[in-house]
Every structure is written in C-alpha cells, then in structure tokens.
Amino acid sequence: MDLIIVGAIIKDHKMIETAIASAPEYPFSKKYILFDGPAGPKDAGSLMEDVYFAYTKYIENKYPDFLVIRFSENVYFREMINYITTVSESERLFIIQDDVQCHSMDLKQIEIQMNSLKNCKILCFPHKYIRPEGTHWYEIMDDAYPIPFIKSHGFSERVFICDRLRMMEITNELPKKTWRTQYFIEFIYQNAMKSAEWRDASDNKKEHYWDMWGTYFHHDIFHTHLCAKRKIT
C-alpha cells in the first residue's frame, strides 16, 4: 500500500503537516505528496503562488521519505488521483487530503479486514458517526459484522483507502458532467444518488452500481476536518 497526501493552495499551509503526522504507522511501499497547481491565470506569478511554491519546497526538504509531485496547472483532486494511479504500483492507496487529521487506527488490522471482503474496493473514514438510517451522503446497505465496516452507497474522499486499479478505471470512465463531478470523485456517486433515475431504480440496479465502486465506511474510526478554505474556480 502507498500513502498519498493530496495538497493544494490553502490558507494555512501548516495543515498539511498535521495531515502527514496523523498518517497511521504502517510499512508503506512508497509515500507521495501531491501539490496541485495555481487556480487560474490571476494566480500565476502572484505572491500567493510564490509562497505556495516555496512551501512545497520546504515540505519536500522536511520530508525526504516522501516523493513530491507538483502540478504546473490546477487539475483538482480527481485528476491528481487519476495521475497517481498510473504512477503507483501498489495494490491499494491510502489517501489523505491536506486539510484533515486522521484518527488513530491499526492499519495492518484494517488491511486484513479488507482482504476478507472480496468486493471491498473503497473504505472511507467519515468525519462523524453515521447513524443506522444513513444520511444524505451515505445510503446504508448492510454491515459486515463482526468486521466494523458498513456497506453503503456514497463515500467521503477526505480520508480513504482504495483499490488502485479500480480507482484508475473510475477516474477514467465515469462522467464529468458538472464542475463537482469533474473535480471530485465523491460527487460522481452523490450526483447519481440524487437523480430521478436513482429514486426509481430497483435494488438490483443500485447493487450493480455499487459493484463498480465497492464502497464501505468504517463504523468507528473517523477523521477531523481542519476547515481550511481553498479557492474553487
């Protein structure tokens, strides 16, 4: 498994160090930090871009065990994840965004648990306890008792583990119809769940859609969103 920290121009650059420090203890094959490019022409050559670039160099020097990849243009999360699926050679990726803090976990045990579920392709760690009836973001299907995973439609991309090759297929194939589904992976699923077609779909059809993703969330391990604000253009 590879560790992927995903960063962008953000108000408080030091948050990424909190994200790095919160990564679980685990013998990762490789560790990467991805830095997105400036958000538009108005940022090119600006003080913000200069400070951001300097900070990426600082991070690269401070964390020599990470491979740092910088994007010259603003490609957003989905394209950065698609790119790293072509660079990494690991079966799975552990992905953390730069404005969150992981909670404590035994990743070796979680990996064993994931291996026991043949269709588990994405395991995310929500920002709070998800009640049994679900939320607008999670439509609960079943639990994996005694494994503390909940099978659900929908997931959060702030902290998650994914099957690398399946994620490559998802980011290559699934639609880019709106700015949200173009920039974020989770909104592809969310848009499907909000559609009229979804409301009228049979359980079998919804199960077929789930099979493309293989999504679960952890029942009792969460993340903390540090609430940094970044520009979306």
Protein backbone atom coordinates (compact mmCIF):
# COMPACT_ATOMS: atom_id res chain seq x y z
CA MET A 1 0.00 0.00 0.00
CA ASP A 2 1.19 3.52 -0.83
CA LEU A 3 0.48 6.63 1.21
CA ILE A 4 -0.80 9.64 -0.76
CA ILE A 5 -1.07 13.14 0.77
CA VAL A 6 -3.02 15.45 -1.57
CA GLY A 7 -2.38 19.19 -1.28
CA ALA A 8 -3.40 22.47 -2.92
CA ILE A 9 -3.10 26.23 -2.39
CA ILE A 10 -4.65 26.65 1.04
CA LYS A 11 -4.86 29.44 3.60
CA ASP A 12 -2.97 27.58 6.31
CA HIS A 13 -0.14 25.61 4.71
CA LYS A 14 0.84 24.07 8.03
CA MET A 15 -2.31 21.95 7.98
CA ILE A 16 -0.62 19.53 5.60
CA GLU A 17 1.94 18.78 8.29
CA THR A 18 -0.91 17.87 10.64
CA ALA A 19 -2.24 15.55 7.94
CA ILE A 20 1.18 13.95 7.46
CA ALA A 21 1.68 13.50 11.20
CA SER A 22 -1.73 11.83 11.52
CA ALA A 23 -0.99 9.11 8.96
CA PRO A 24 -1.11 5.67 10.59
CA GLU A 25 2.00 3.68 11.40
CA TYR A 26 2.40 1.21 8.55
CA PRO A 27 5.24 -0.03 6.28
CA PHE A 28 4.03 1.81 3.18
CA SER A 29 5.72 0.75 -0.04
CA LYS A 30 6.06 4.38 -1.13
CA LYS A 31 4.84 7.73 0.17
CA TYR A 32 3.82 10.61 -2.06
CA ILE A 33 2.79 14.23 -1.60
CA LEU A 34 0.84 15.74 -4.50
CA PHE A 35 0.66 19.51 -4.86
CA ASP A 36 -1.96 20.93 -7.21
CA GLY A 37 -1.08 23.94 -9.38
CA PRO A 38 -2.40 27.54 -9.13
CA ALA A 39 -6.14 28.00 -9.61
CA GLY A 40 -6.02 30.31 -12.61
CA PRO A 41 -4.10 32.96 -14.60
CA LYS A 42 -4.66 35.54 -11.87
CA ASP A 43 -2.57 33.39 -9.53
CA ALA A 44 0.30 32.91 -11.97
CA GLY A 45 3.28 34.87 -10.74
CA SER A 46 1.35 36.13 -7.73
CA LEU A 47 2.66 36.32 -4.19
CA MET A 48 0.30 33.51 -3.21
CA GLU A 49 1.77 31.24 -5.86
CA ASP A 50 5.32 32.18 -4.85
CA VAL A 51 4.64 31.46 -1.18
CA TYR A 52 2.90 28.21 -2.06
CA PHE A 53 5.78 27.04 -4.26
CA ALA A 54 8.29 27.93 -1.54
CA TYR A 55 6.25 25.94 0.94
CA THR A 56 6.18 22.89 -1.33
CA LYS A 57 10.00 23.06 -1.41
CA TYR A 58 10.06 23.33 2.38
CA ILE A 59 7.84 20.25 2.68
CA GLU A 60 9.99 18.35 0.20
CA ASN A 61 13.12 19.09 2.24
CA LYS A 62 11.46 18.36 5.58
CA TYR A 63 10.03 15.01 4.49
CA PRO A 64 12.69 13.33 2.35
CA ASP A 65 10.95 9.95 2.69
CA PHE A 66 8.10 11.30 0.53
CA LEU A 67 8.20 11.68 -3.24
CA VAL A 68 6.82 15.15 -4.04
CA ILE A 69 4.90 15.66 -7.28
CA ARG A 70 3.97 19.22 -8.34
CA PHE A 71 1.35 20.00 -10.97
CA SER A 72 2.02 23.08 -13.09
CA GLU A 73 -1.72 23.68 -13.62
CA ASN A 74 -4.75 23.46 -11.36
CA VAL A 75 -6.13 19.99 -12.14
CA TYR A 76 -8.05 19.37 -8.89
CA PHE A 77 -8.42 16.26 -6.81
CA ARG A 78 -9.89 13.82 -9.31
CA GLU A 79 -7.14 14.30 -11.89
CA MET A 80 -4.40 14.14 -9.24
CA ILE A 81 -5.77 10.81 -8.03
CA ASN A 82 -6.07 9.55 -11.58
CA TYR A 83 -2.44 10.52 -12.18
CA ILE A 84 -1.11 8.78 -9.08
CA THR A 85 -2.94 5.56 -10.02
CA THR A 86 -0.72 5.47 -13.11
CA VAL A 87 2.48 6.18 -11.15
CA SER A 88 1.98 3.88 -8.17
CA GLU A 89 2.47 0.15 -8.47
CA SER A 90 0.77 -0.79 -5.19
CA GLU A 91 -2.47 -2.72 -4.95
CA ARG A 92 -4.02 -0.09 -2.66
CA LEU A 93 -3.64 3.61 -1.92
CA PHE A 94 -4.20 5.28 1.46
CA ILE A 95 -5.28 8.82 0.60
CA ILE A 96 -5.38 11.82 2.96
CA GLN A 97 -6.32 15.35 1.92
CA ASP A 98 -4.21 18.21 3.25
CA ASP A 99 -6.90 19.75 5.50
CA VAL A 100 -7.81 16.74 7.62
CA GLN A 101 -6.43 14.80 10.55
CA CYS A 102 -6.73 11.02 10.68
CA HIS A 103 -7.78 9.41 13.90
CA SER A 104 -5.76 6.57 15.42
CA MET A 105 -6.09 3.23 13.65
CA ASP A 106 -4.41 -0.16 13.28
CA LEU A 107 -3.93 -0.14 9.53
CA LYS A 108 -2.46 -3.64 9.42
CA GLN A 109 -5.63 -5.00 11.05
CA ILE A 110 -7.81 -2.93 8.73
CA GLU A 111 -5.97 -4.33 5.73
CA ILE A 112 -6.64 -7.88 6.94
CA GLN A 113 -10.30 -7.00 7.32
CA MET A 114 -10.46 -5.52 3.82
CA ASN A 115 -8.85 -8.66 2.40
CA SER A 116 -11.64 -10.76 3.93
CA LEU A 117 -14.27 -8.88 1.87
CA LYS A 118 -13.77 -9.72 -1.78
CA ASN A 119 -15.69 -6.69 -3.10
CA CYS A 120 -14.30 -4.00 -0.80
CA LYS A 121 -12.68 -1.52 -3.19
CA ILE A 122 -13.08 1.70 -1.19
CA LEU A 123 -13.03 2.09 2.59
CA CYS A 124 -13.51 5.60 3.89
CA PHE A 125 -13.30 7.10 7.36
CA PRO A 126 -16.16 9.62 7.86
CA HIS A 127 -15.97 12.84 9.87
CA LYS A 128 -18.55 11.58 12.39
CA TYR A 129 -20.63 8.61 13.45
CA ILE A 130 -23.14 7.66 10.75
CA ARG A 131 -26.49 6.70 12.22
CA PRO A 132 -28.15 3.43 11.12
CA GLU A 133 -30.66 5.17 8.86
CA GLY A 134 -27.81 6.83 6.98
CA THR A 135 -27.51 10.45 5.84
CA HIS A 136 -27.90 12.35 2.59
CA TRP A 137 -24.28 11.37 1.88
CA TYR A 138 -24.44 7.69 2.92
CA GLU A 139 -27.22 5.31 1.92
CA ILE A 140 -26.59 2.28 4.12
CA MET A 141 -27.00 -1.15 2.54
CA ASP A 142 -25.65 -3.67 5.08
CA ASP A 143 -22.99 -4.17 7.72
CA ALA A 144 -20.04 -6.54 7.62
CA TYR A 145 -20.32 -7.70 11.25
CA PRO A 146 -18.08 -8.70 13.00
CA ILE A 147 -15.88 -6.53 10.77
CA PRO A 148 -16.61 -2.87 11.69
CA PHE A 149 -17.36 -1.81 8.11
CA ILE A 150 -20.69 -0.60 6.77
CA LYS A 151 -21.57 -1.29 3.14
CA SER A 152 -23.08 1.87 1.69
CA HIS A 153 -23.74 3.94 -1.36
CA GLY A 154 -21.61 7.08 -1.23
CA PHE A 155 -18.30 7.80 0.45
CA SER A 156 -16.05 10.62 1.65
CA GLU A 157 -12.81 11.23 -0.20
CA ARG A 158 -11.07 13.18 2.59
CA VAL A 159 -9.56 10.00 4.09
CA PHE A 160 -9.97 6.68 2.34
CA ILE A 161 -8.29 3.51 1.14
CA CYS A 162 -8.91 2.42 -2.43
CA ASP A 163 -8.05 -0.32 -4.86
CA ARG A 164 -5.62 1.44 -7.20
CA LEU A 165 -6.64 -0.16 -10.48
CA ARG A 166 -10.36 0.20 -9.79
CA MET A 167 -9.84 3.87 -8.92
CA MET A 168 -7.95 4.31 -12.17
CA GLU A 169 -10.97 2.94 -14.03
CA ILE A 170 -13.42 5.12 -12.10
CA THR A 171 -11.50 8.34 -12.71
CA ASN A 172 -11.02 7.47 -16.38
CA GLU A 173 -14.51 6.26 -17.24
CA LEU A 174 -17.22 7.87 -15.15
CA PRO A 175 -18.91 11.12 -16.25
CA LYS A 176 -17.57 14.65 -15.98
CA LYS A 177 -20.89 16.45 -16.45
CA THR A 178 -20.66 19.12 -13.75
CA TRP A 179 -17.89 21.07 -12.09
CA ARG A 180 -18.27 18.90 -8.99
CA THR A 181 -18.00 15.54 -10.77
CA GLN A 182 -15.13 16.91 -12.83
CA TYR A 183 -13.12 17.97 -9.79
CA PHE A 184 -14.20 15.50 -7.09
CA ILE A 185 -14.65 11.73 -7.16
CA GLU A 186 -17.22 11.51 -4.37
CA PHE A 187 -19.66 13.77 -6.21
CA ILE A 188 -19.98 11.27 -9.06
CA TYR A 189 -21.65 8.91 -6.61
CA GLN A 190 -23.53 11.73 -4.87
CA ASN A 191 -24.98 13.03 -8.14
CA ALA A 192 -26.14 9.54 -9.06
CA MET A 193 -27.87 9.17 -5.68
CA LYS A 194 -29.70 12.48 -6.11
CA SER A 195 -31.01 11.71 -9.59
CA ALA A 196 -34.60 10.82 -10.52
CA GLU A 197 -33.28 7.65 -12.15
CA TRP A 198 -31.83 6.58 -8.79
CA ARG A 199 -35.13 7.16 -6.98
CA ASP A 200 -36.90 4.89 -9.44
CA ALA A 201 -34.14 2.27 -9.67
CA SER A 202 -34.59 -1.28 -8.41
CA ASP A 203 -32.42 -2.66 -5.62
CA ASN A 204 -30.68 -4.86 -8.19
CA LYS A 205 -29.81 -1.86 -10.34
CA LYS A 206 -28.46 0.03 -7.33
CA GLU A 207 -26.44 -3.04 -6.32
CA HIS A 208 -24.96 -3.17 -9.82
CA TYR A 209 -23.89 0.47 -9.48
CA TRP A 210 -22.37 -0.29 -6.08
CA ASP A 211 -20.36 -3.14 -7.65
CA MET A 212 -18.46 -0.58 -9.74
CA TRP A 213 -17.29 1.15 -6.55
CA GLY A 214 -17.25 -1.42 -3.71
CA THR A 215 -17.73 1.29 -1.06
CA TYR A 216 -17.70 0.81 2.70
CA PHE A 217 -17.14 3.20 5.58
CA HIS A 218 -15.54 2.37 8.91
CA HIS A 219 -18.08 2.20 11.71
CA ASP A 220 -15.98 3.74 14.48
CA ILE A 221 -12.82 5.34 13.06
CA PHE A 222 -13.22 8.89 11.80
CA HIS A 223 -11.28 11.94 10.66
CA THR A 224 -11.30 15.58 11.75
CA HIS A 225 -11.78 18.24 9.10
CA LEU A 226 -9.48 21.16 9.90
CA CYS A 227 -11.72 23.56 7.94
CA ALA A 228 -9.15 25.31 5.78
CA LYS A 229 -10.67 27.24 2.91
CA ARG A 230 -9.35 26.94 -0.62
CA LYS A 231 -10.46 28.68 -3.77
CA ILE A 232 -12.57 26.77 -6.30
CA THR A 233 -12.83 28.43 -9.71
